[in-house]
Amino acid sequence: MFINFFHELKAANLPVTVKEYLALMEGMQKNVAGRRVEDFYYLARSALIKDERNLDRFDRVFGHVFKGLDELKGEELYEIPEEWLRLVTEKFLSEEEKAEIEALGGWEKIMEELQKRLAEQDGRHEGGSKWIGTGGTSPFGAYGYNPAGVRIGQKEGRHGRAIKVWDKREYKDLDDSVELGTRNIKMALRRLRKFARDGAAEELDLDDTINSTARKGYLDIKLVPERRNTIKVLVFFDVGGSMDGHIKVCEELFSAARAEFKHMEYFYFHNCLYEYVWKNNRRRHTERIDTWEVLHTYPADYKVLFVGDASMSPFELTHAGGSVEHMNPEPGALWLERVMNIYPSLVWLNPVPERFWSFTPTTEMIRQLVSERMFPLTLEGLDGAMKELGR
């Protein structure tokens, strides 16, 4: 089995040598891994993999070769949460049924119709096609389907089609203490460096100290300012909604960027940049920061990164009042254009795989707004983004 494992790794083009394989066998003979598959996995990964970029392929080969060895022990019964059972009863439509559902016909018509139905309806409704309720095909309500609707009171989005959400939504701040998986991201970010010595002279200049001491005949200590990365970075993170599935990679990026850039400022937004941003998601309704204040505070020599999936209703980019959460006085596209006009060095990092970008109209719209400077949030994409910012 172990010989087969070695051959499978080679077949997957992993740079595994015979010496590394023999080191693994030596560890097995000395019972380093014990008898648990999980312990053997970590031993094998440590002995055979020297580059983090190969971890994913190693995991796939390991799962293929040793599939089924780590089985559950005993017969444990788990209570199915009531929430799961309730959601099972929601109505899921076939593709044919979805194709038959027509949008009401534009932003103004949808909002006008919502006000009308709020005035007419006086009770709860479920499973219908008109009233504000649950599990139906009406453009208004929750847990149903309509290609362009207003979601009211639902815990989270399911189809990603709502053009406005009327609900109190809680977001979570990104954790900049996350370290696992950030090493490669840090290496990619290091492409964006410009060193200079400024500030107080606090660092020992060993060569100058030796030369000066030799000339003067007594110890003459020479100090210089610390050598720092002078690149200044401004980062805007999209949070909430469809970005919930990308929290881990965004936290890794956040942690790596905080470690690499001494001059870094960050702000949060939801879906698209509007007239205000925030730094604390728990207080985002009470501690808002005017976007104009941000643009006037940080000069044009800052490098700007937007991090988001660019997935939203087109109305959010094109219409005043199109924001999913509030009645914005100006469309999101206008704010992106303002940022583009101020900061010549700007990129957009998208955590969604690039092959799926064409499936979302707003992704293509934002990609055009940022002059095609959208990059996937992968190591290769980060390399490309840092090269772009370094020009």
Protein backbone atom coordinates (compact mmCIF):
# COMPACT_ATOMS: atom_id res chain seq x y z
CA MET A 1 0.00 0.00 0.00
CA PHE A 2 2.79 2.44 0.88
CA ILE A 3 4.61 1.72 -2.40
CA ASN A 4 1.35 2.42 -4.23
CA PHE A 5 0.99 5.68 -2.26
CA PHE A 6 4.48 6.74 -3.37
CA HIS A 7 3.70 5.93 -7.03
CA GLU A 8 0.39 7.82 -6.86
CA LEU A 9 2.20 10.89 -5.53
CA LYS A 10 4.70 10.69 -8.39
CA ALA A 11 1.87 10.24 -10.88
CA ALA A 12 0.31 13.46 -9.56
CA ASN A 13 3.59 15.26 -10.41
CA LEU A 14 4.42 15.89 -6.77
CA PRO A 15 8.19 16.35 -6.19
CA VAL A 16 8.58 13.36 -3.85
CA THR A 17 11.99 11.64 -3.67
CA VAL A 18 13.01 8.16 -2.57
CA LYS A 19 14.97 9.68 0.30
CA GLU A 20 11.83 11.35 1.62
CA TYR A 21 9.87 8.13 1.23
CA LEU A 22 12.52 6.21 3.21
CA ALA A 23 12.33 8.87 5.93
CA LEU A 24 8.59 8.23 6.11
CA MET A 25 9.16 4.48 6.40
CA GLU A 26 11.70 5.06 9.17
CA GLY A 27 9.14 7.11 11.04
CA MET A 28 6.59 4.33 10.65
CA GLN A 29 9.05 1.74 11.96
CA LYS A 30 9.67 3.87 15.05
CA ASN A 31 5.89 4.17 15.56
CA VAL A 32 5.93 7.96 15.28
CA ALA A 33 2.41 8.03 13.84
CA GLY A 34 0.85 5.43 16.13
CA ARG A 35 -2.19 3.65 14.72
CA ARG A 36 -4.45 6.55 13.76
CA VAL A 37 -4.88 7.54 10.12
CA GLU A 38 -4.90 11.21 11.08
CA ASP A 39 -1.49 10.89 12.76
CA PHE A 40 -0.11 9.04 9.71
CA TYR A 41 -1.46 11.81 7.47
CA TYR A 42 0.47 14.51 9.34
CA LEU A 43 3.63 12.41 9.44
CA ALA A 44 3.43 11.69 5.70
CA ARG A 45 2.73 15.33 4.87
CA SER A 46 5.68 16.51 6.98
CA ALA A 47 8.07 13.97 5.47
CA LEU A 48 7.02 14.22 1.82
CA ILE A 49 5.79 17.78 1.18
CA LYS A 50 8.21 20.70 1.34
CA ASP A 51 6.18 23.35 -0.48
CA GLU A 52 2.76 24.57 0.70
CA ARG A 53 1.59 24.90 -2.90
CA ASN A 54 1.55 21.09 -3.15
CA LEU A 55 -0.62 20.48 -0.08
CA ASP A 56 -3.89 20.39 -2.01
CA ARG A 57 -2.67 17.76 -4.48
CA PHE A 58 -1.19 15.74 -1.61
CA ASP A 59 -4.55 15.76 0.20
CA ARG A 60 -6.35 14.51 -2.90
CA VAL A 61 -3.87 11.69 -3.45
CA PHE A 62 -3.98 10.73 0.23
CA GLY A 63 -7.78 10.64 0.21
CA HIS A 64 -7.75 8.52 -2.95
CA VAL A 65 -5.24 5.95 -1.67
CA PHE A 66 -6.44 5.63 1.92
CA LYS A 67 -10.16 6.28 1.41
CA GLY A 68 -12.33 4.46 3.93
CA LEU A 69 -9.62 3.59 6.46
CA ASP A 70 -10.70 6.15 9.03
CA GLU A 71 -14.22 4.97 9.76
CA LEU A 72 -16.60 6.10 12.47
CA LYS A 73 -16.50 3.94 15.57
CA GLY A 74 -19.75 2.99 17.22
CA GLU A 75 -23.27 3.91 16.26
CA GLU A 76 -23.91 7.42 17.42
CA LEU A 77 -27.31 8.99 16.90
CA TYR A 78 -27.66 12.68 16.26
CA GLU A 79 -30.77 14.73 16.69
CA ILE A 80 -31.71 16.55 13.49
CA PRO A 81 -32.15 20.25 14.27
CA GLU A 82 -35.71 21.49 14.01
CA GLU A 83 -34.53 24.32 11.76
CA TRP A 84 -33.28 21.79 9.18
CA LEU A 85 -36.60 19.98 9.16
CA ARG A 86 -38.49 23.23 8.73
CA LEU A 87 -36.36 24.34 5.79
CA VAL A 88 -36.93 20.98 4.07
CA THR A 89 -40.58 21.97 3.68
CA GLU A 90 -39.68 25.08 1.71
CA LYS A 91 -40.59 25.11 -1.95
CA PHE A 92 -37.75 24.36 -4.39
CA LEU A 93 -38.68 24.85 -8.02
CA SER A 94 -37.42 22.98 -11.06
CA GLU A 95 -35.44 24.85 -13.70
CA GLU A 96 -38.51 24.80 -15.97
CA GLU A 97 -40.66 26.37 -13.27
CA LYS A 98 -38.03 29.01 -12.56
CA ALA A 99 -37.88 29.88 -16.25
CA GLU A 100 -41.64 30.58 -16.23
CA ILE A 101 -41.38 33.16 -13.42
CA GLU A 102 -41.26 36.69 -14.77
CA ALA A 103 -39.72 39.67 -13.03
CA LEU A 104 -42.12 42.57 -12.50
CA GLY A 105 -40.26 44.82 -14.91
CA GLY A 106 -37.60 47.11 -13.49
CA TRP A 107 -36.54 48.71 -10.24
CA GLU A 108 -39.18 51.42 -10.05
CA LYS A 109 -42.02 49.00 -10.79
CA ILE A 110 -40.85 46.52 -8.14
CA MET A 111 -40.62 49.16 -5.40
CA GLU A 112 -43.97 50.66 -6.41
CA GLU A 113 -45.62 47.24 -6.29
CA LEU A 114 -44.10 46.49 -2.88
CA GLN A 115 -45.61 49.64 -1.37
CA LYS A 116 -48.99 48.74 -2.88
CA ARG A 117 -49.01 45.20 -1.49
CA LEU A 118 -47.88 46.36 1.96
CA ALA A 119 -50.93 48.62 2.04
CA GLU A 120 -53.32 45.86 0.88
CA GLN A 121 -52.10 42.86 2.87
CA ASP A 122 -53.17 42.47 6.51
CA GLY A 123 -52.06 38.92 7.43
CA ARG A 124 -49.46 36.16 7.08
CA HIS A 125 -49.27 34.29 3.77
CA GLU A 126 -47.35 31.18 2.69
CA GLY A 127 -46.63 29.45 -0.60
CA GLY A 128 -48.29 31.95 -2.91
CA SER A 129 -47.33 33.95 -5.95
CA LYS A 130 -48.54 37.44 -4.99
CA TRP A 131 -48.63 38.35 -1.30
CA ILE A 132 -45.66 39.05 0.94
CA GLY A 133 -44.95 35.68 2.56
CA THR A 134 -42.77 32.58 2.65
CA GLY A 135 -41.97 29.67 0.36
CA GLY A 136 -43.66 31.00 -2.76
CA THR A 137 -42.87 32.69 -6.05
CA SER A 138 -43.87 36.22 -5.11
CA PRO A 139 -41.18 38.86 -5.61
CA PHE A 140 -41.63 39.82 -1.95
CA GLY A 141 -40.98 37.66 1.11
CA ALA A 142 -38.62 34.88 2.14
CA TYR A 143 -37.58 31.28 1.36
CA GLY A 144 -39.12 31.33 -2.10
CA TYR A 145 -37.87 32.06 -5.60
CA ASN A 146 -38.12 35.05 -7.91
CA PRO A 147 -35.38 36.28 -10.23
CA ALA A 148 -35.76 39.89 -9.05
CA GLY A 149 -37.35 40.31 -5.66
CA VAL A 150 -37.18 42.00 -2.29
CA ARG A 151 -36.18 39.60 0.51
CA ILE A 152 -37.88 40.35 3.83
CA GLY A 153 -36.97 38.67 7.13
CA GLN A 154 -35.02 35.67 5.82
CA LYS A 155 -31.95 34.49 7.75
CA GLU A 156 -29.70 34.34 4.68
CA GLY A 157 -29.83 34.43 0.89
CA ARG A 158 -30.30 31.20 -1.08
CA HIS A 159 -30.47 32.19 -4.73
CA GLY A 160 -28.53 35.49 -4.61
CA ARG A 161 -31.19 37.26 -6.67
CA ALA A 162 -32.74 39.73 -4.18
CA ILE A 163 -32.44 43.37 -5.25
CA LYS A 164 -33.08 44.64 -1.71
CA VAL A 165 -33.08 43.03 1.74
CA TRP A 166 -35.25 44.44 4.52
CA ASP A 167 -33.90 42.86 7.65
CA LYS A 168 -31.48 43.54 10.48
CA ARG A 169 -28.27 41.83 9.40
CA GLU A 170 -25.24 41.15 11.58
CA TYR A 171 -21.74 40.90 10.12
CA LYS A 172 -18.51 39.76 11.74
CA ASP A 173 -15.17 41.59 11.75
CA LEU A 174 -12.33 39.80 10.01
CA ASP A 175 -9.82 38.26 12.40
CA ASP A 176 -6.32 39.57 11.66
CA SER A 177 -4.73 37.09 14.09
CA VAL A 178 -5.31 34.14 11.77
CA GLU A 179 -1.96 32.61 10.83
CA LEU A 180 -2.74 29.19 9.39
CA GLY A 181 -2.38 29.31 5.61
CA THR A 182 -1.11 32.88 5.45
CA ARG A 183 2.54 32.16 4.64
CA ASN A 184 2.11 31.91 0.88
CA ILE A 185 -0.11 34.97 0.87
CA LYS A 186 2.62 36.91 2.68
CA MET A 187 5.17 35.76 0.09
CA ALA A 188 2.92 37.03 -2.70
CA LEU A 189 2.32 40.37 -0.96
CA ARG A 190 6.08 40.89 -0.59
CA ARG A 191 6.26 41.67 -4.30
CA LEU A 192 4.83 45.05 -3.35
CA ARG A 193 7.78 46.57 -1.50
CA LYS A 194 9.65 49.85 -1.53
CA PHE A 195 12.19 50.20 1.27
CA ALA A 196 13.56 53.42 2.72
CA ARG A 197 15.16 54.55 5.95
CA ASP A 198 13.20 57.24 7.74
CA GLY A 199 12.37 58.29 11.26
CA ALA A 200 14.59 58.24 14.34
CA ALA A 201 18.05 56.65 14.16
CA GLU A 202 17.54 53.55 16.31
CA GLU A 203 19.17 50.70 14.36
CA LEU A 204 22.86 49.83 14.70
CA ASP A 205 24.92 50.43 11.55
CA LEU A 206 27.55 47.75 12.13
CA ASP A 207 29.84 48.54 9.16
CA ASP A 208 29.95 52.28 9.88
CA THR A 209 30.48 51.61 13.59
CA ILE A 210 33.51 49.37 12.86
CA ASN A 211 35.01 51.89 10.40
CA SER A 212 34.50 54.86 12.71
CA THR A 213 35.88 52.97 15.74
CA ALA A 214 39.00 51.94 13.77
CA ARG A 215 39.63 55.52 12.64
CA LYS A 216 39.10 57.17 16.01
CA GLY A 217 40.66 54.50 18.23
CA TYR A 218 37.67 54.26 20.56
CA LEU A 219 34.16 52.80 20.33
CA ASP A 220 32.04 55.07 18.15
CA ILE A 221 28.54 53.66 17.74
CA LYS A 222 26.66 54.69 14.60
CA LEU A 223 22.88 54.43 14.33
CA VAL A 224 20.59 54.70 11.31
CA PRO A 225 16.79 54.81 10.94
CA GLU A 226 15.10 51.44 10.57
CA ARG A 227 14.64 50.22 7.00
CA ARG A 228 10.89 50.09 6.40
CA ASN A 229 8.50 49.22 3.62
CA THR A 230 7.12 52.60 2.63
CA ILE A 231 4.27 51.25 0.51
CA LYS A 232 0.91 52.54 1.81
CA VAL A 233 -2.15 50.37 1.30
CA LEU A 234 -5.88 51.09 1.55
CA VAL A 235 -8.09 47.97 1.62
CA PHE A 236 -11.88 47.78 1.27
CA PHE A 237 -13.41 44.44 2.34
CA ASP A 238 -16.87 43.32 1.22
CA VAL A 239 -18.61 41.57 4.15
CA GLY A 240 -21.89 39.74 4.66
CA GLY A 241 -24.25 38.00 2.29
CA SER A 242 -22.54 35.94 -0.40
CA MET A 243 -19.14 36.81 1.13
CA ASP A 244 -19.87 34.63 4.18
CA GLY A 245 -18.56 31.63 2.24
CA HIS A 246 -15.20 33.36 1.73
CA ILE A 247 -14.51 34.45 5.32
CA LYS A 248 -11.56 32.09 5.82
CA VAL A 249 -9.54 33.21 2.79
CA CYS A 250 -10.33 36.88 3.52
CA GLU A 251 -9.14 36.48 7.11
CA GLU A 252 -5.92 34.90 5.84
CA LEU A 253 -5.42 37.80 3.43
CA PHE A 254 -6.24 40.32 6.17
CA SER A 255 -3.77 38.76 8.60
CA ALA A 256 -1.01 38.54 6.00
CA ALA A 257 -1.53 42.13 4.84
CA ARG A 258 -1.43 43.47 8.41
CA ALA A 259 1.90 41.69 8.90
CA GLU A 260 3.47 42.83 5.60
CA PHE A 261 2.32 46.45 5.32
CA LYS A 262 3.14 48.82 8.16
CA HIS A 263 1.10 51.57 6.52
CA MET A 264 -2.25 49.87 5.97
CA GLU A 265 -5.79 51.14 6.50
CA TYR A 266 -8.91 49.04 6.00
CA PHE A 267 -12.66 49.58 5.81
CA TYR A 268 -15.72 47.40 5.33
CA PHE A 269 -18.57 47.76 2.85
CA HIS A 270 -21.41 45.51 1.69
CA ASN A 271 -21.71 44.50 -1.98
CA CYS A 272 -20.61 47.87 -3.39
CA LEU A 273 -18.98 51.06 -2.13
CA TYR A 274 -21.51 53.76 -1.23
CA GLU A 275 -21.57 57.01 0.73
CA TYR A 276 -20.28 55.46 3.97
CA VAL A 277 -18.03 52.63 5.16
CA TRP A 278 -17.19 51.27 8.62
CA LYS A 279 -14.42 49.58 10.64
CA ASN A 280 -16.46 47.67 13.23
CA ASN A 281 -19.23 45.43 11.94
CA ARG A 282 -21.02 45.29 15.29
CA ARG A 283 -21.31 49.07 15.26
CA ARG A 284 -21.69 49.64 11.56
CA HIS A 285 -25.05 51.42 12.01
CA THR A 286 -23.77 53.83 14.68
CA GLU A 287 -20.10 54.34 13.75
CA ARG A 288 -20.25 55.06 10.05
CA ILE A 289 -17.40 56.79 8.26
CA ASP A 290 -18.18 59.11 5.37
CA THR A 291 -16.60 57.76 2.19
CA TRP A 292 -15.67 61.26 1.08
CA GLU A 293 -13.77 61.66 4.37
CA VAL A 294 -11.79 58.50 3.58
CA LEU A 295 -10.98 59.67 0.06
CA HIS A 296 -9.86 63.07 1.35
CA THR A 297 -7.78 61.61 4.21
CA TYR A 298 -5.60 59.14 2.27
CA PRO A 299 -3.68 60.68 -0.65
CA ALA A 300 -3.36 59.36 -4.16
CA ASP A 301 -0.06 57.56 -3.49
CA TYR A 302 -1.93 54.84 -1.57
CA LYS A 303 -2.35 51.46 -3.27
CA VAL A 304 -6.03 50.46 -3.17
CA LEU A 305 -7.36 46.90 -2.93
CA PHE A 306 -11.03 45.97 -3.11
CA VAL A 307 -11.78 42.45 -1.84
CA GLY A 308 -15.20 41.12 -2.81
CA ASP A 309 -17.09 38.65 -4.99
CA ALA A 310 -18.73 41.46 -7.03
CA SER A 311 -22.00 39.51 -6.87
CA MET A 312 -25.12 41.64 -6.37
CA SER A 313 -28.19 42.98 -8.07
CA PRO A 314 -27.33 45.20 -11.08
CA PHE A 315 -29.54 47.90 -9.53
CA GLU A 316 -26.91 48.36 -6.81
CA LEU A 317 -24.45 49.59 -9.42
CA THR A 318 -26.77 51.46 -11.73
CA HIS A 319 -29.55 53.02 -9.63
CA ALA A 320 -29.86 55.46 -6.77
CA GLY A 321 -31.74 53.59 -4.06
CA GLY A 322 -30.52 50.28 -5.48
CA SER A 323 -28.51 49.25 -2.42
CA VAL A 324 -29.70 45.99 -0.93
CA GLU A 325 -29.80 47.52 2.57
CA HIS A 326 -30.53 51.23 2.38
CA MET A 327 -31.76 53.94 0.05
CA ASN A 328 -28.45 55.17 -1.33
CA PRO A 329 -28.66 58.64 -2.91
CA GLU A 330 -26.10 57.77 -5.61
CA PRO A 331 -25.44 54.52 -7.54
CA GLY A 332 -22.49 52.32 -6.58
CA ALA A 333 -20.83 52.65 -10.00
CA LEU A 334 -20.43 56.38 -9.41
CA TRP A 335 -18.49 55.76 -6.18
CA LEU A 336 -16.20 53.24 -7.86
CA GLU A 337 -15.48 55.76 -10.62
CA ARG A 338 -14.58 58.38 -8.00
CA VAL A 339 -12.11 56.03 -6.34
CA MET A 340 -10.62 55.14 -9.74
CA ASN A 341 -10.14 58.84 -10.53
CA ILE A 342 -8.28 59.49 -7.26
CA TYR A 343 -6.10 56.37 -6.97
CA PRO A 344 -4.18 55.32 -10.10
CA SER A 345 -2.95 52.09 -8.43
CA LEU A 346 -6.05 50.00 -7.77
CA VAL A 347 -7.01 46.33 -8.09
CA TRP A 348 -10.03 44.19 -7.22
CA LEU A 349 -9.43 40.75 -5.66
CA ASN A 350 -12.28 38.29 -6.24
CA PRO A 351 -12.49 35.10 -4.10
CA VAL A 352 -14.77 33.44 -6.66
CA PRO A 353 -12.89 31.23 -9.16
CA GLU A 354 -12.30 33.11 -12.40
CA ARG A 355 -14.12 30.52 -14.52
CA PHE A 356 -17.41 31.55 -12.84
CA TRP A 357 -17.10 35.31 -13.31
CA SER A 358 -18.98 35.39 -16.60
CA PHE A 359 -22.04 33.85 -14.92
CA THR A 360 -22.65 36.99 -12.82
CA PRO A 361 -23.47 40.18 -14.77
CA THR A 362 -22.26 42.52 -12.01
CA THR A 363 -18.86 40.82 -11.94
CA GLU A 364 -18.32 41.79 -15.55
CA MET A 365 -19.68 45.29 -14.88
CA ILE A 366 -17.26 45.89 -11.99
CA ARG A 367 -14.43 44.35 -13.97
CA GLN A 368 -15.00 47.00 -16.64
CA LEU A 369 -15.34 49.76 -14.02
CA VAL A 370 -11.88 48.92 -12.60
CA SER A 371 -10.34 48.81 -16.10
CA GLU A 372 -10.01 45.00 -16.20
CA ARG A 373 -7.87 45.04 -13.04
CA MET A 374 -9.80 42.25 -11.34
CA PHE A 375 -7.75 39.28 -10.14
CA PRO A 376 -8.79 35.97 -8.54
CA LEU A 377 -7.94 35.63 -4.85
CA THR A 378 -5.38 32.88 -5.46
CA LEU A 379 -1.60 32.89 -5.13
CA GLU A 380 -1.25 33.37 -8.87
CA GLY A 381 -3.88 36.10 -8.81
CA LEU A 382 -2.11 37.85 -5.92
CA ASP A 383 1.16 37.76 -7.87
CA GLY A 384 -0.56 39.44 -10.78
CA ALA A 385 -2.26 42.02 -8.55
CA MET A 386 0.99 42.95 -6.80
CA LYS A 387 2.75 43.36 -10.16
CA GLU A 388 -0.07 45.65 -11.27
CA LEU A 389 0.15 47.76 -8.09
CA GLY A 390 3.94 47.90 -8.38
CA ARG A 391 3.96 49.59 -11.76
